[in-house]
N, C-alpha and C. Protein backbone atom coordinates (compact mmCIF):
# COMPACT_ATOMS: atom_id res chain seq x y z
N MET A 1 11.55 4.12 -12.50
CA MET A 1 10.58 4.92 -11.78
C MET A 1 10.71 4.62 -10.29
N THR A 2 10.75 5.67 -9.47
CA THR A 2 10.84 5.51 -8.03
C THR A 2 9.45 5.59 -7.40
N LEU A 3 9.15 4.63 -6.56
CA LEU A 3 7.87 4.62 -5.85
C LEU A 3 8.13 4.54 -4.34
N PHE A 4 7.07 4.86 -3.58
CA PHE A 4 7.18 4.85 -2.13
C PHE A 4 6.05 4.04 -1.51
N ARG A 5 6.36 3.48 -0.36
CA ARG A 5 5.34 2.72 0.37
C ARG A 5 5.58 2.90 1.86
N CYS A 6 4.53 3.17 2.58
CA CYS A 6 4.59 3.26 4.04
C CYS A 6 4.08 1.94 4.60
N SER A 7 4.91 1.28 5.39
CA SER A 7 4.56 -0.03 5.92
C SER A 7 5.02 -0.16 7.36
N VAL A 8 4.40 -1.06 8.07
CA VAL A 8 4.92 -1.46 9.38
C VAL A 8 5.86 -2.62 9.13
N LEU A 9 7.15 -2.37 9.27
CA LEU A 9 8.14 -3.39 8.97
C LEU A 9 8.57 -4.11 10.24
N LYS A 10 8.58 -5.41 10.18
CA LYS A 10 9.09 -6.19 11.29
C LYS A 10 9.54 -7.54 10.75
N LYS A 11 10.46 -8.14 11.44
CA LYS A 11 10.89 -9.46 11.03
C LYS A 11 9.78 -10.46 11.30
N ARG A 12 9.68 -11.43 10.44
CA ARG A 12 8.62 -12.42 10.62
C ARG A 12 8.78 -13.13 11.95
N ASN A 13 7.64 -13.41 12.57
CA ASN A 13 7.59 -14.10 13.86
C ASN A 13 8.38 -13.37 14.93
N SER A 14 8.41 -12.06 14.81
CA SER A 14 9.15 -11.27 15.79
C SER A 14 8.48 -9.91 15.95
N ASN A 15 8.64 -9.34 17.11
CA ASN A 15 8.13 -7.99 17.34
C ASN A 15 9.19 -6.94 17.09
N LYS A 16 10.37 -7.37 16.65
CA LYS A 16 11.47 -6.43 16.43
C LYS A 16 11.30 -5.73 15.09
N PHE A 17 11.29 -4.41 15.11
CA PHE A 17 11.19 -3.65 13.89
C PHE A 17 12.55 -3.59 13.20
N LEU A 18 12.52 -3.32 11.92
CA LEU A 18 13.76 -3.11 11.17
C LEU A 18 14.27 -1.72 11.52
N ASP A 19 15.44 -1.66 12.13
CA ASP A 19 15.93 -0.40 12.68
C ASP A 19 16.84 0.38 11.74
N THR A 20 17.53 -0.29 10.87
CA THR A 20 18.51 0.40 10.03
C THR A 20 18.33 0.00 8.58
N ALA A 21 18.96 0.78 7.72
CA ALA A 21 18.90 0.46 6.29
C ALA A 21 19.50 -0.91 6.01
N ASP A 22 20.51 -1.32 6.78
CA ASP A 22 21.14 -2.61 6.56
C ASP A 22 20.16 -3.76 6.75
N GLU A 23 19.18 -3.53 7.61
CA GLU A 23 18.21 -4.60 7.88
C GLU A 23 17.13 -4.69 6.81
N VAL A 24 17.19 -3.81 5.86
CA VAL A 24 16.20 -3.82 4.78
C VAL A 24 16.85 -4.32 3.49
N TYR A 25 17.92 -5.08 3.64
CA TYR A 25 18.65 -5.58 2.47
C TYR A 25 17.80 -6.49 1.61
N ALA A 26 16.82 -7.12 2.19
CA ALA A 26 15.95 -8.03 1.43
C ALA A 26 14.53 -7.88 1.93
N VAL A 27 13.96 -6.72 1.68
CA VAL A 27 12.65 -6.40 2.24
C VAL A 27 11.61 -7.45 1.86
N GLY A 28 11.66 -7.94 0.64
CA GLY A 28 10.68 -8.92 0.19
C GLY A 28 10.66 -10.16 1.04
N ALA A 29 11.78 -10.48 1.69
CA ALA A 29 11.87 -11.69 2.48
C ALA A 29 11.46 -11.48 3.92
N VAL A 30 11.43 -10.22 4.37
CA VAL A 30 11.18 -9.99 5.78
C VAL A 30 9.93 -9.17 6.07
N LEU A 31 9.29 -8.67 5.03
CA LEU A 31 8.07 -7.90 5.27
C LEU A 31 7.00 -8.77 5.93
N ASP A 32 6.20 -8.13 6.73
CA ASP A 32 5.06 -8.81 7.30
C ASP A 32 4.25 -9.46 6.17
N PRO A 33 3.77 -10.69 6.35
CA PRO A 33 3.04 -11.37 5.28
C PRO A 33 1.85 -10.59 4.72
N VAL A 34 1.26 -9.72 5.54
CA VAL A 34 0.14 -8.93 5.04
C VAL A 34 0.61 -8.00 3.94
N ASP A 35 1.85 -7.53 4.05
CA ASP A 35 2.39 -6.61 3.06
C ASP A 35 2.95 -7.32 1.83
N TRP A 36 3.51 -8.49 2.05
CA TRP A 36 4.17 -9.17 0.94
C TRP A 36 3.94 -10.67 1.06
N PRO A 37 2.73 -11.14 0.86
CA PRO A 37 2.44 -12.55 1.09
C PRO A 37 3.03 -13.45 0.02
N ASP A 38 4.05 -14.20 0.41
CA ASP A 38 4.67 -15.19 -0.48
C ASP A 38 5.05 -14.60 -1.84
N HIS A 39 5.67 -13.43 -1.80
CA HIS A 39 6.15 -12.80 -3.04
C HIS A 39 5.06 -12.72 -4.11
N PHE A 40 3.98 -12.07 -3.75
CA PHE A 40 2.88 -11.75 -4.64
C PHE A 40 1.87 -12.87 -4.86
N THR A 41 2.23 -14.13 -4.72
CA THR A 41 1.33 -15.20 -5.11
C THR A 41 0.83 -15.99 -3.91
N ARG A 42 -0.46 -16.17 -3.83
CA ARG A 42 -1.03 -17.02 -2.80
C ARG A 42 -0.86 -18.47 -3.20
N THR A 43 -0.60 -19.31 -2.22
CA THR A 43 -0.54 -20.74 -2.48
C THR A 43 -1.54 -21.44 -1.57
N GLY A 44 -1.74 -22.72 -1.79
CA GLY A 44 -2.71 -23.45 -1.00
C GLY A 44 -2.45 -23.32 0.50
N GLY A 45 -3.48 -23.08 1.24
CA GLY A 45 -3.36 -23.01 2.68
C GLY A 45 -3.23 -21.61 3.23
N ILE A 46 -2.93 -20.63 2.39
CA ILE A 46 -2.83 -19.26 2.88
C ILE A 46 -4.23 -18.70 3.10
N VAL A 47 -4.46 -18.18 4.27
CA VAL A 47 -5.75 -17.61 4.60
C VAL A 47 -5.81 -16.18 4.08
N LEU A 48 -6.92 -15.83 3.48
CA LEU A 48 -7.10 -14.46 3.01
C LEU A 48 -6.94 -13.50 4.18
N GLN A 49 -6.04 -12.53 4.01
CA GLN A 49 -5.72 -11.63 5.12
C GLN A 49 -6.31 -10.24 4.92
N GLY A 50 -7.14 -10.09 3.94
CA GLY A 50 -7.73 -8.80 3.69
C GLY A 50 -8.11 -8.69 2.23
N VAL A 51 -9.01 -7.81 1.92
CA VAL A 51 -9.44 -7.59 0.55
C VAL A 51 -9.11 -6.16 0.19
N THR A 52 -8.48 -5.97 -0.97
CA THR A 52 -8.09 -4.64 -1.41
C THR A 52 -8.77 -4.31 -2.73
N ARG A 53 -8.56 -3.11 -3.21
CA ARG A 53 -9.25 -2.67 -4.42
C ARG A 53 -9.00 -3.60 -5.60
N PHE A 54 -7.76 -4.01 -5.78
CA PHE A 54 -7.43 -4.88 -6.90
C PHE A 54 -6.95 -6.25 -6.42
N GLY A 55 -7.39 -6.62 -5.23
CA GLY A 55 -7.07 -7.93 -4.69
C GLY A 55 -8.31 -8.56 -4.10
N PRO A 56 -9.25 -8.98 -4.95
CA PRO A 56 -10.50 -9.55 -4.44
C PRO A 56 -10.32 -10.93 -3.86
N GLU A 57 -11.25 -11.32 -3.04
CA GLU A 57 -11.21 -12.66 -2.46
C GLU A 57 -11.21 -13.71 -3.57
N GLY A 58 -10.31 -14.68 -3.43
CA GLY A 58 -10.25 -15.76 -4.40
C GLY A 58 -9.39 -15.48 -5.61
N TYR A 59 -8.86 -14.25 -5.72
CA TYR A 59 -8.02 -13.92 -6.87
C TYR A 59 -6.66 -14.60 -6.71
N ASP A 60 -6.03 -14.97 -7.81
CA ASP A 60 -4.81 -15.77 -7.74
C ASP A 60 -3.58 -15.00 -7.26
N SER A 61 -3.55 -13.70 -7.48
CA SER A 61 -2.36 -12.92 -7.13
C SER A 61 -2.73 -11.75 -6.23
N TRP A 62 -1.76 -11.35 -5.44
CA TRP A 62 -1.94 -10.26 -4.49
C TRP A 62 -0.99 -9.14 -4.88
N PRO A 63 -1.47 -7.97 -5.17
CA PRO A 63 -0.57 -6.91 -5.63
C PRO A 63 0.18 -6.21 -4.49
N LEU A 64 1.34 -5.70 -4.82
CA LEU A 64 2.05 -4.78 -3.94
C LEU A 64 1.60 -3.38 -4.33
N TYR A 65 1.15 -2.60 -3.35
CA TYR A 65 0.72 -1.23 -3.62
C TYR A 65 1.84 -0.26 -3.25
N ALA A 66 2.07 0.72 -4.11
CA ALA A 66 3.06 1.76 -3.84
C ALA A 66 2.58 3.03 -4.52
N SER A 67 3.14 4.16 -4.08
CA SER A 67 2.69 5.47 -4.55
C SER A 67 3.82 6.24 -5.20
N GLU A 68 3.45 7.11 -6.11
CA GLU A 68 4.43 7.93 -6.81
C GLU A 68 5.03 8.99 -5.87
N LYS A 69 4.24 9.46 -4.91
CA LYS A 69 4.70 10.48 -3.97
C LYS A 69 4.61 9.94 -2.54
N HIS A 70 5.58 10.26 -1.71
CA HIS A 70 5.53 9.72 -0.35
C HIS A 70 4.37 10.30 0.45
N ASP A 71 3.95 11.54 0.14
CA ASP A 71 2.78 12.09 0.84
C ASP A 71 1.54 11.23 0.59
N THR A 72 1.41 10.77 -0.64
CA THR A 72 0.25 9.94 -0.99
C THR A 72 0.22 8.65 -0.19
N THR A 73 1.38 8.04 -0.02
CA THR A 73 1.40 6.77 0.71
C THR A 73 1.04 6.96 2.18
N TYR A 74 1.30 8.15 2.74
CA TYR A 74 0.86 8.41 4.12
C TYR A 74 -0.66 8.43 4.20
N TYR A 75 -1.30 9.04 3.21
CA TYR A 75 -2.77 9.07 3.18
C TYR A 75 -3.33 7.65 3.05
N GLU A 76 -2.71 6.87 2.18
CA GLU A 76 -3.20 5.51 1.97
C GLU A 76 -3.06 4.67 3.24
N PHE A 77 -1.91 4.78 3.90
CA PHE A 77 -1.67 4.02 5.11
C PHE A 77 -2.62 4.47 6.22
N ALA A 78 -2.80 5.78 6.33
CA ALA A 78 -3.69 6.32 7.37
C ALA A 78 -5.13 5.86 7.17
N TYR A 79 -5.56 5.75 5.92
CA TYR A 79 -6.93 5.30 5.64
C TYR A 79 -7.17 3.92 6.25
N TRP A 80 -6.22 3.02 6.08
CA TRP A 80 -6.38 1.68 6.62
C TRP A 80 -6.26 1.67 8.13
N LYS A 81 -5.39 2.52 8.67
CA LYS A 81 -5.28 2.61 10.12
C LYS A 81 -6.61 3.06 10.75
N LEU A 82 -7.29 3.98 10.10
CA LEU A 82 -8.53 4.53 10.64
C LEU A 82 -9.68 3.54 10.66
N LYS A 83 -9.54 2.44 9.98
CA LYS A 83 -10.60 1.44 10.00
C LYS A 83 -10.79 0.88 11.41
N ASP A 84 -9.76 0.95 12.23
CA ASP A 84 -9.85 0.47 13.60
C ASP A 84 -9.56 1.62 14.57
N TRP A 85 -10.04 2.81 14.22
CA TRP A 85 -9.64 4.01 14.95
C TRP A 85 -10.05 4.00 16.42
N GLU A 86 -11.19 3.42 16.72
CA GLU A 86 -11.65 3.44 18.12
C GLU A 86 -10.73 2.63 19.03
N ASN A 87 -10.21 1.51 18.52
CA ASN A 87 -9.33 0.67 19.32
C ASN A 87 -7.90 1.20 19.36
N GLU A 88 -7.54 2.05 18.41
CA GLU A 88 -6.16 2.54 18.34
C GLU A 88 -6.05 4.04 18.58
N LEU A 89 -7.09 4.63 19.12
CA LEU A 89 -7.10 6.06 19.36
C LEU A 89 -5.93 6.46 20.27
N ASN A 90 -5.15 7.45 19.80
CA ASN A 90 -4.00 8.00 20.52
C ASN A 90 -2.84 7.03 20.72
N MET A 91 -2.92 5.86 20.13
CA MET A 91 -1.80 4.91 20.20
C MET A 91 -0.77 5.25 19.13
N GLN A 92 0.48 4.99 19.42
CA GLN A 92 1.55 5.25 18.47
C GLN A 92 1.80 4.01 17.62
N THR A 93 1.89 4.20 16.32
CA THR A 93 2.28 3.14 15.41
C THR A 93 3.57 3.56 14.73
N ARG A 94 4.58 2.76 14.87
CA ARG A 94 5.83 3.05 14.21
C ARG A 94 5.81 2.43 12.82
N ALA A 95 6.00 3.26 11.84
CA ALA A 95 5.98 2.80 10.45
C ALA A 95 7.26 3.26 9.75
N SER A 96 7.49 2.71 8.58
CA SER A 96 8.68 3.06 7.81
C SER A 96 8.31 3.44 6.39
N LEU A 97 8.98 4.44 5.89
CA LEU A 97 8.84 4.82 4.49
C LEU A 97 9.90 4.07 3.70
N ILE A 98 9.43 3.32 2.71
CA ILE A 98 10.32 2.52 1.87
C ILE A 98 10.34 3.12 0.47
N LYS A 99 11.50 3.15 -0.13
CA LYS A 99 11.63 3.55 -1.52
C LYS A 99 11.97 2.32 -2.34
N LEU A 100 11.41 2.22 -3.54
CA LEU A 100 11.70 1.08 -4.40
C LEU A 100 11.72 1.51 -5.85
N ASP A 101 12.44 0.76 -6.65
CA ASP A 101 12.49 1.01 -8.09
C ASP A 101 11.47 0.12 -8.78
N PHE A 102 10.71 0.71 -9.66
CA PHE A 102 9.69 -0.01 -10.43
C PHE A 102 10.03 0.13 -11.90
N ASN A 103 10.31 -0.99 -12.55
CA ASN A 103 10.69 -1.01 -13.96
C ASN A 103 9.81 -1.98 -14.73
N PRO A 104 8.60 -1.54 -15.08
CA PRO A 104 7.68 -2.44 -15.78
C PRO A 104 8.17 -2.76 -17.19
N VAL A 105 7.87 -3.96 -17.61
CA VAL A 105 8.20 -4.35 -18.99
C VAL A 105 7.22 -3.70 -19.95
N GLY A 106 5.95 -3.77 -19.60
CA GLY A 106 4.90 -3.15 -20.41
C GLY A 106 4.36 -1.91 -19.73
N LYS A 107 3.53 -1.20 -20.43
CA LYS A 107 2.92 0.00 -19.87
C LYS A 107 1.86 -0.41 -18.85
N PRO A 108 1.89 0.17 -17.64
CA PRO A 108 0.86 -0.18 -16.66
C PRO A 108 -0.55 0.08 -17.18
N THR A 109 -1.47 -0.79 -16.84
CA THR A 109 -2.86 -0.60 -17.21
C THR A 109 -3.40 0.63 -16.47
N ASN A 110 -3.86 1.60 -17.22
CA ASN A 110 -4.31 2.86 -16.64
C ASN A 110 -5.82 2.83 -16.44
N ILE A 111 -6.23 2.85 -15.18
CA ILE A 111 -7.65 2.77 -14.86
C ILE A 111 -8.42 3.96 -15.44
N GLN A 112 -7.77 5.09 -15.56
CA GLN A 112 -8.46 6.28 -16.06
C GLN A 112 -8.88 6.14 -17.52
N ASN A 113 -8.33 5.15 -18.21
CA ASN A 113 -8.72 4.90 -19.60
C ASN A 113 -9.91 3.95 -19.72
N GLU A 114 -10.36 3.42 -18.60
CA GLU A 114 -11.49 2.49 -18.62
C GLU A 114 -12.81 3.27 -18.65
N ASP A 115 -13.79 2.74 -19.38
CA ASP A 115 -15.08 3.42 -19.50
C ASP A 115 -15.76 3.61 -18.15
N ASN A 116 -15.58 2.65 -17.26
CA ASN A 116 -16.23 2.73 -15.95
C ASN A 116 -15.23 3.08 -14.85
N SER A 117 -14.26 3.94 -15.16
CA SER A 117 -13.20 4.27 -14.21
C SER A 117 -13.75 4.85 -12.90
N LYS A 118 -14.80 5.65 -12.98
CA LYS A 118 -15.36 6.24 -11.76
C LYS A 118 -15.90 5.16 -10.83
N GLU A 119 -16.53 4.15 -11.41
CA GLU A 119 -17.06 3.06 -10.60
C GLU A 119 -15.91 2.22 -10.02
N ILE A 120 -14.88 1.96 -10.83
CA ILE A 120 -13.73 1.17 -10.37
C ILE A 120 -13.04 1.86 -9.19
N LEU A 121 -13.04 3.20 -9.21
CA LEU A 121 -12.37 3.97 -8.17
C LEU A 121 -13.34 4.46 -7.09
N ASP A 122 -14.48 3.81 -6.98
CA ASP A 122 -15.46 4.18 -5.97
C ASP A 122 -14.79 4.23 -4.59
N LYS A 123 -15.09 5.25 -3.82
CA LYS A 123 -14.44 5.44 -2.52
C LYS A 123 -14.97 4.52 -1.44
N THR A 124 -16.17 3.98 -1.63
CA THR A 124 -16.80 3.25 -0.54
C THR A 124 -17.01 1.76 -0.80
N THR A 125 -16.80 1.31 -2.02
CA THR A 125 -17.01 -0.11 -2.31
C THR A 125 -16.00 -0.58 -3.35
N TYR A 126 -15.63 -1.86 -3.24
CA TYR A 126 -14.72 -2.47 -4.21
C TYR A 126 -15.48 -3.39 -5.18
N VAL A 127 -16.77 -3.34 -5.15
CA VAL A 127 -17.57 -4.24 -6.00
C VAL A 127 -17.19 -4.08 -7.47
N HIS A 128 -17.10 -2.84 -7.93
CA HIS A 128 -16.83 -2.60 -9.35
C HIS A 128 -15.39 -2.92 -9.72
N SER A 129 -14.45 -2.61 -8.85
CA SER A 129 -13.04 -2.91 -9.16
C SER A 129 -12.80 -4.41 -9.17
N HIS A 130 -13.47 -5.12 -8.27
CA HIS A 130 -13.33 -6.57 -8.25
C HIS A 130 -13.94 -7.20 -9.50
N SER A 131 -15.09 -6.71 -9.88
CA SER A 131 -15.74 -7.22 -11.08
C SER A 131 -14.87 -6.96 -12.31
N TRP A 132 -14.27 -5.77 -12.35
CA TRP A 132 -13.43 -5.40 -13.50
C TRP A 132 -12.21 -6.31 -13.61
N ILE A 133 -11.49 -6.48 -12.52
CA ILE A 133 -10.24 -7.25 -12.61
C ILE A 133 -10.50 -8.73 -12.82
N LYS A 134 -11.59 -9.24 -12.26
CA LYS A 134 -11.93 -10.64 -12.49
C LYS A 134 -12.34 -10.89 -13.93
N GLY A 135 -12.80 -9.83 -14.60
CA GLY A 135 -13.23 -9.97 -15.99
C GLY A 135 -12.11 -9.89 -17.01
N LEU A 136 -10.90 -9.57 -16.56
CA LEU A 136 -9.77 -9.49 -17.49
C LEU A 136 -9.34 -10.89 -17.93
N ALA A 137 -8.80 -10.95 -19.14
CA ALA A 137 -8.38 -12.24 -19.68
C ALA A 137 -7.17 -12.80 -18.93
N SER A 138 -6.35 -11.93 -18.38
CA SER A 138 -5.16 -12.37 -17.64
C SER A 138 -4.82 -11.33 -16.57
N ILE A 139 -4.02 -11.75 -15.61
CA ILE A 139 -3.60 -10.83 -14.54
C ILE A 139 -2.63 -9.82 -15.13
N PRO A 140 -2.86 -8.54 -14.93
CA PRO A 140 -1.96 -7.52 -15.50
C PRO A 140 -0.62 -7.50 -14.76
N GLU A 141 0.40 -7.01 -15.45
CA GLU A 141 1.70 -6.84 -14.80
C GLU A 141 1.60 -5.78 -13.71
N SER A 142 0.88 -4.70 -14.02
CA SER A 142 0.71 -3.61 -13.05
C SER A 142 -0.47 -2.75 -13.47
N ILE A 143 -0.96 -1.98 -12.51
CA ILE A 143 -2.08 -1.07 -12.72
C ILE A 143 -1.69 0.28 -12.13
N VAL A 144 -2.00 1.36 -12.83
CA VAL A 144 -1.80 2.71 -12.29
C VAL A 144 -3.17 3.36 -12.15
N PHE A 145 -3.36 4.05 -11.02
CA PHE A 145 -4.66 4.68 -10.77
C PHE A 145 -4.49 5.84 -9.81
N PRO A 146 -5.33 6.87 -9.93
CA PRO A 146 -5.23 8.01 -9.02
C PRO A 146 -5.68 7.63 -7.62
N SER A 147 -4.99 8.16 -6.63
CA SER A 147 -5.39 7.93 -5.24
C SER A 147 -6.74 8.57 -4.98
N VAL A 148 -7.61 7.85 -4.31
CA VAL A 148 -8.90 8.43 -3.90
C VAL A 148 -8.88 8.77 -2.41
N ARG A 149 -7.73 8.62 -1.77
CA ARG A 149 -7.60 8.92 -0.34
C ARG A 149 -6.82 10.21 -0.09
N ASP A 150 -5.93 10.56 -1.01
CA ASP A 150 -5.08 11.74 -0.86
C ASP A 150 -5.91 13.00 -1.09
N GLN A 151 -5.89 13.90 -0.12
CA GLN A 151 -6.62 15.17 -0.26
C GLN A 151 -6.01 16.07 -1.33
N ASN A 152 -4.75 15.84 -1.64
CA ASN A 152 -4.06 16.65 -2.65
C ASN A 152 -4.16 15.95 -4.00
N ALA A 153 -4.82 16.58 -4.93
CA ALA A 153 -5.06 15.96 -6.25
C ALA A 153 -3.73 15.65 -6.94
N GLY A 154 -3.74 14.58 -7.70
CA GLY A 154 -2.58 14.26 -8.52
C GLY A 154 -1.76 13.09 -8.04
N GLY A 155 -2.05 12.57 -6.84
CA GLY A 155 -1.28 11.43 -6.34
C GLY A 155 -1.64 10.15 -7.08
N LEU A 156 -0.63 9.44 -7.56
CA LEU A 156 -0.85 8.20 -8.30
C LEU A 156 -0.41 6.99 -7.48
N ASN A 157 -1.18 5.93 -7.58
CA ASN A 157 -0.84 4.66 -6.96
C ASN A 157 -0.60 3.61 -8.03
N PHE A 158 0.16 2.60 -7.64
CA PHE A 158 0.41 1.47 -8.52
C PHE A 158 0.10 0.19 -7.77
N ALA A 159 -0.58 -0.72 -8.46
CA ALA A 159 -0.79 -2.08 -7.95
C ALA A 159 0.07 -2.97 -8.83
N ILE A 160 1.07 -3.61 -8.23
CA ILE A 160 2.08 -4.35 -8.99
C ILE A 160 1.94 -5.84 -8.71
N TYR A 161 1.76 -6.62 -9.76
CA TYR A 161 1.56 -8.06 -9.61
C TYR A 161 2.82 -8.86 -9.95
N GLU A 162 3.72 -8.29 -10.71
CA GLU A 162 4.91 -9.01 -11.16
C GLU A 162 6.11 -8.61 -10.32
N GLY A 163 6.57 -9.55 -9.49
CA GLY A 163 7.64 -9.25 -8.56
C GLY A 163 8.96 -8.87 -9.21
N SER A 164 9.19 -9.35 -10.43
CA SER A 164 10.47 -9.06 -11.09
C SER A 164 10.59 -7.60 -11.54
N THR A 165 9.50 -6.86 -11.47
CA THR A 165 9.54 -5.46 -11.91
C THR A 165 9.94 -4.49 -10.80
N VAL A 166 10.10 -5.00 -9.58
CA VAL A 166 10.48 -4.13 -8.47
C VAL A 166 11.82 -4.57 -7.91
N SER A 167 12.62 -3.60 -7.49
CA SER A 167 13.96 -3.89 -6.98
C SER A 167 14.46 -2.73 -6.14
N ASN A 168 15.64 -2.91 -5.58
CA ASN A 168 16.33 -1.85 -4.85
C ASN A 168 15.47 -1.23 -3.75
N PHE A 169 14.89 -2.08 -2.93
CA PHE A 169 14.16 -1.57 -1.77
C PHE A 169 15.15 -0.89 -0.83
N SER A 170 14.79 0.26 -0.35
CA SER A 170 15.66 0.93 0.61
C SER A 170 14.83 1.65 1.67
N PHE A 171 15.33 1.61 2.88
CA PHE A 171 14.69 2.27 4.00
C PHE A 171 14.95 3.76 3.90
N GLN A 172 13.91 4.59 4.02
CA GLN A 172 14.07 6.03 3.93
C GLN A 172 14.04 6.69 5.31
N GLN A 173 12.99 6.46 6.06
CA GLN A 173 12.92 7.01 7.41
C GLN A 173 11.77 6.38 8.17
N ASP A 174 11.90 6.40 9.47
CA ASP A 174 10.80 5.99 10.33
C ASP A 174 9.86 7.16 10.53
N VAL A 175 8.59 6.85 10.68
CA VAL A 175 7.60 7.85 11.07
C VAL A 175 6.74 7.25 12.17
N THR A 176 6.19 8.11 12.99
CA THR A 176 5.26 7.68 14.03
C THR A 176 3.88 8.19 13.66
N MET A 177 2.91 7.30 13.66
CA MET A 177 1.54 7.68 13.33
C MET A 177 0.66 7.56 14.57
N ILE A 178 -0.14 8.59 14.80
CA ILE A 178 -1.04 8.61 15.95
C ILE A 178 -2.44 9.00 15.48
N ILE A 179 -3.39 8.13 15.70
CA ILE A 179 -4.78 8.43 15.35
C ILE A 179 -5.34 9.40 16.39
N ARG A 180 -5.80 10.56 15.91
CA ARG A 180 -6.32 11.59 16.81
C ARG A 180 -7.83 11.52 16.97
N ASP A 181 -8.51 11.12 15.92
CA ASP A 181 -9.96 10.95 15.98
C ASP A 181 -10.37 10.12 14.78
N GLU A 182 -11.64 10.09 14.51
CA GLU A 182 -12.18 9.23 13.44
C GLU A 182 -11.65 9.59 12.06
N PHE A 183 -11.14 10.82 11.91
CA PHE A 183 -10.79 11.30 10.57
C PHE A 183 -9.32 11.67 10.39
N ASN A 184 -8.61 11.92 11.47
CA ASN A 184 -7.27 12.52 11.37
C ASN A 184 -6.19 11.65 12.00
N VAL A 185 -5.04 11.64 11.30
CA VAL A 185 -3.87 10.90 11.77
C VAL A 185 -2.66 11.83 11.72
N ASP A 186 -1.95 11.94 12.82
CA ASP A 186 -0.70 12.69 12.84
C ASP A 186 0.43 11.81 12.34
N VAL A 187 1.25 12.37 11.46
CA VAL A 187 2.46 11.70 10.99
C VAL A 187 3.63 12.51 11.52
N ILE A 188 4.40 11.92 12.42
CA ILE A 188 5.49 12.61 13.09
C ILE A 188 6.83 12.08 12.55
N PHE A 189 7.66 12.99 12.11
CA PHE A 189 8.93 12.65 11.49
C PHE A 189 10.06 12.63 12.53
N PRO A 190 11.22 12.06 12.18
CA PRO A 190 12.31 11.95 13.15
C PRO A 190 12.76 13.28 13.77
N ASP A 191 12.59 14.39 13.05
CA ASP A 191 12.99 15.69 13.60
C ASP A 191 11.87 16.34 14.42
N ASN A 192 10.83 15.54 14.71
CA ASN A 192 9.66 15.96 15.50
C ASN A 192 8.73 16.94 14.79
N THR A 193 8.96 17.20 13.52
CA THR A 193 7.96 17.92 12.74
C THR A 193 6.83 16.94 12.42
N LYS A 194 5.68 17.49 12.11
CA LYS A 194 4.56 16.58 11.84
C LYS A 194 3.62 17.18 10.81
N ILE A 195 2.87 16.29 10.20
CA ILE A 195 1.76 16.70 9.35
C ILE A 195 0.55 15.93 9.83
N THR A 196 -0.61 16.47 9.62
CA THR A 196 -1.85 15.75 9.93
C THR A 196 -2.54 15.42 8.62
N VAL A 197 -2.79 14.14 8.42
CA VAL A 197 -3.44 13.72 7.19
C VAL A 197 -4.88 13.33 7.49
N THR A 198 -5.76 13.70 6.58
CA THR A 198 -7.18 13.38 6.70
C THR A 198 -7.58 12.65 5.42
N PRO A 199 -7.39 11.34 5.41
CA PRO A 199 -7.70 10.60 4.18
C PRO A 199 -9.18 10.67 3.83
N ILE A 200 -9.44 10.72 2.55
CA ILE A 200 -10.82 10.73 2.07
C ILE A 200 -11.42 9.36 2.29
N LYS A 201 -12.60 9.35 2.86
CA LYS A 201 -13.29 8.07 3.11
C LYS A 201 -14.43 7.87 2.12
């Protein structure tokens, strides 16, 4: 299965972005720690760098998030960018679209099959999703769930906890993102075409 992820790629301890596909030969080793902290697992001394839907504070593992469609990952990335929209208004953010292969051993846990799926996928709070995942007997290999940020219905996201299930990271293209206001982000492609995404909040 092919998945996509939009990330700000840079070499660790450097402001230099990954410019070519050759520089993405080992994305897991060079991604910003926020995107790939210690290959999925937190160890002693790592400071919590953010809380996500399926990555609650104090949880033992940190998932890699990726989307089935590249359009969906733009919405997801834009949603997080807009959290600081006032400070980044009209600023350019250079991001990269990454493609990766996902080969789960087991079937991903499907949130839509859960009795409280609507609560788990709440758009404004992670209280229910955190309670749900902390209540599981063990950390799942992966989770599949519909995007709640993509305006176009049908976009699926994956939260992947097992690093051995992902491989063949490849650089697809650079994009430039510009926050236009509290709700809208322009995504500008290398050929200067653009789309404006308005993630659901």
